[in-house]
Amino acid sequence: MSMNSDTQCPKCGSLNGHVTQGYRGFQSFGRRYCDDCGTAWRLACPRWAAILSIVTGCVMLAGAWAGIVAHRELGGVLVFVLLGLWASLYGVGVLLGLAGQIRILGQVPSPPALESSESGVCAGCQRSVPPGSAYCPHCGREQSAPG
């Protein structure tokens, strides 16, 4: 039985999950959150993205090589060489199973039952928040304690 990391929780196998928002940094594909067990995970890099990474890296390396040959200057194209190598090696690593694997980030603990807030809506994403939740399950924003 193969697991689809896009929809199925790697911890409990539930299909009851969604994409989260609000994480800092660059990420092509949103992180997932299981509504049943609270597990958060990062998706595996898809095969098509790995192939695209390899092609992009090769194009960057070819462009850098052309720049070196045409202008006989290494300094201006060194960044493209490094980025091209990184993209190509990452793509190869994904295809070999050495990089870009699914990763469980942790579990959002269920807080003890508290009085529900008056609004029951996250101030960040404006979606409903379960009573007593310390964090919004949709965007991950910390919820203020009911006062």
Protein backbone atom coordinates (compact mmCIF):
# COMPACT_ATOMS: atom_id res chain seq x y z
CA MET A 1 0.00 0.00 0.00
CA SER A 2 1.63 3.25 -1.08
CA MET A 3 0.94 6.43 0.77
CA ASN A 4 0.10 9.72 -0.92
CA SER A 5 1.96 12.36 1.12
CA ASP A 6 -0.22 15.08 -0.41
CA THR A 7 -3.38 13.88 1.30
CA GLN A 8 -2.66 11.06 3.75
CA CYS A 9 -1.23 11.61 7.23
CA PRO A 10 2.09 9.76 7.62
CA LYS A 11 1.38 9.14 11.32
CA CYS A 12 -2.21 7.85 11.44
CA GLY A 13 -3.07 7.35 7.74
CA SER A 14 -6.08 9.68 7.90
CA LEU A 15 -7.20 11.53 4.79
CA ASN A 16 -8.72 14.27 6.95
CA GLY A 17 -6.08 16.99 6.58
CA HIS A 18 -5.37 20.30 4.90
CA VAL A 19 -2.60 22.64 3.74
CA THR A 20 -1.42 25.09 6.38
CA GLN A 21 -0.41 28.69 5.83
CA GLY A 22 1.66 31.20 7.75
CA TYR A 23 5.10 29.56 7.82
CA ARG A 24 8.16 31.74 7.35
CA GLY A 25 10.71 31.16 4.64
CA PHE A 26 10.51 29.89 1.09
CA GLN A 27 8.59 26.74 0.41
CA SER A 28 7.11 25.66 -2.91
CA PHE A 29 4.46 23.39 -1.45
CA GLY A 30 2.49 24.18 1.70
CA ARG A 31 2.91 22.05 4.78
CA ARG A 32 0.13 19.66 5.70
CA TYR A 33 -1.77 19.26 8.97
CA CYS A 34 -3.85 16.23 10.00
CA ASP A 35 -7.18 17.22 11.52
CA ASP A 36 -7.51 13.84 13.27
CA CYS A 37 -4.21 13.39 15.12
CA GLY A 38 -2.63 16.86 14.90
CA THR A 39 0.49 15.79 12.97
CA ALA A 40 2.18 18.42 10.81
CA TRP A 41 4.40 17.28 7.94
CA ARG A 42 6.40 18.59 5.02
CA LEU A 43 5.58 17.06 1.67
CA ALA A 44 8.08 15.03 -0.29
CA CYS A 45 9.52 16.71 -3.37
CA PRO A 46 7.56 15.45 -6.40
CA ARG A 47 9.44 13.63 -9.14
CA TRP A 48 8.46 16.25 -11.73
CA ALA A 49 9.91 19.03 -9.53
CA ALA A 50 13.18 17.08 -9.17
CA ILE A 51 13.44 16.70 -12.95
CA LEU A 52 12.64 20.40 -13.42
CA SER A 53 15.37 21.23 -10.88
CA ILE A 54 17.91 19.18 -12.83
CA VAL A 55 16.94 20.82 -16.13
CA THR A 56 17.05 24.31 -14.57
CA GLY A 57 20.45 23.61 -13.06
CA CYS A 58 21.81 22.38 -16.39
CA VAL A 59 20.49 25.48 -18.17
CA MET A 60 22.15 27.70 -15.53
CA LEU A 61 25.43 25.82 -15.87
CA ALA A 62 25.31 26.07 -19.68
CA GLY A 63 24.60 29.80 -19.44
CA ALA A 64 27.47 30.25 -16.98
CA TRP A 65 29.80 28.31 -19.27
CA ALA A 66 28.76 30.46 -22.23
CA GLY A 67 29.40 33.58 -20.14
CA ILE A 68 32.85 32.35 -19.16
CA VAL A 69 33.76 31.51 -22.75
CA ALA A 70 32.36 34.73 -24.21
CA HIS A 71 33.70 37.20 -21.64
CA ARG A 72 36.61 35.23 -20.16
CA GLU A 73 35.53 36.33 -16.70
CA LEU A 74 34.74 33.92 -13.89
CA GLY A 75 33.67 36.35 -11.15
CA GLY A 76 30.39 37.47 -12.68
CA VAL A 77 29.07 33.97 -13.35
CA LEU A 78 30.28 32.16 -10.24
CA VAL A 79 26.88 32.59 -8.58
CA PHE A 80 25.17 30.93 -11.55
CA VAL A 81 27.65 28.05 -11.41
CA LEU A 82 26.93 27.48 -7.72
CA LEU A 83 23.15 27.77 -8.12
CA GLY A 84 23.20 25.50 -11.16
CA LEU A 85 25.23 22.87 -9.31
CA TRP A 86 22.98 23.08 -6.26
CA ALA A 87 19.77 22.73 -8.32
CA SER A 88 21.11 19.82 -10.36
CA LEU A 89 22.53 17.94 -7.37
CA TYR A 90 19.35 18.46 -5.36
CA GLY A 91 17.23 17.07 -8.20
CA VAL A 92 19.50 14.04 -8.56
CA GLY A 93 19.39 13.56 -4.78
CA VAL A 94 15.59 13.54 -4.83
CA LEU A 95 15.49 10.98 -7.63
CA LEU A 96 17.97 8.77 -5.72
CA GLY A 97 15.95 9.08 -2.51
CA LEU A 98 18.66 11.04 -0.68
CA ALA A 99 16.87 14.41 -0.47
CA GLY A 100 13.41 15.93 -0.49
CA GLN A 101 11.74 13.15 1.50
CA ILE A 102 8.55 13.50 3.51
CA ARG A 103 9.32 14.78 7.00
CA ILE A 104 7.12 14.79 10.08
CA LEU A 105 7.52 18.19 11.70
CA GLY A 106 5.75 17.32 14.95
CA GLN A 107 2.35 17.30 16.47
CA VAL A 108 0.25 20.21 17.56
CA PRO A 109 -0.75 19.17 21.07
CA SER A 110 -4.38 19.31 22.02
CA PRO A 111 -4.59 21.81 24.83
CA PRO A 112 -6.73 21.12 27.88
CA ALA A 113 -10.31 22.21 27.45
CA LEU A 114 -10.63 25.93 28.06
CA GLU A 115 -13.57 28.21 27.77
CA SER A 116 -14.14 28.94 24.12
CA SER A 117 -13.36 32.44 22.97
CA GLU A 118 -16.30 34.66 22.19
CA SER A 119 -15.59 34.80 18.49
CA GLY A 120 -14.12 31.29 17.88
CA VAL A 121 -12.43 32.77 14.79
CA CYS A 122 -8.69 33.14 14.17
CA ALA A 123 -7.58 36.74 13.89
CA GLY A 124 -5.05 35.72 11.21
CA CYS A 125 -6.95 33.63 8.68
CA GLN A 126 -10.54 34.35 9.79
CA ARG A 127 -11.43 30.63 9.93
CA SER A 128 -13.12 28.93 12.84
CA VAL A 129 -10.91 27.61 15.63
CA PRO A 130 -11.92 24.66 17.84
CA PRO A 131 -12.79 25.70 21.41
CA GLY A 132 -9.72 25.76 23.65
CA SER A 133 -7.17 25.59 20.81
CA ALA A 134 -3.87 27.28 21.60
CA TYR A 135 -3.00 27.42 17.89
CA CYS A 136 -5.11 27.82 14.77
CA PRO A 137 -5.08 24.48 12.89
CA HIS A 138 -5.34 26.35 9.57
CA CYS A 139 -2.56 28.94 9.78
CA GLY A 140 -0.66 27.95 12.92
CA ARG A 141 -1.10 31.36 14.58
CA GLU A 142 -1.15 31.32 18.39
CA GLN A 143 -4.60 32.07 19.75
CA SER A 144 -5.08 34.41 22.68
CA ALA A 145 -6.46 32.84 25.82
CA PRO A 146 -10.10 33.66 26.39
CA GLY A 147 -10.46 36.43 28.85
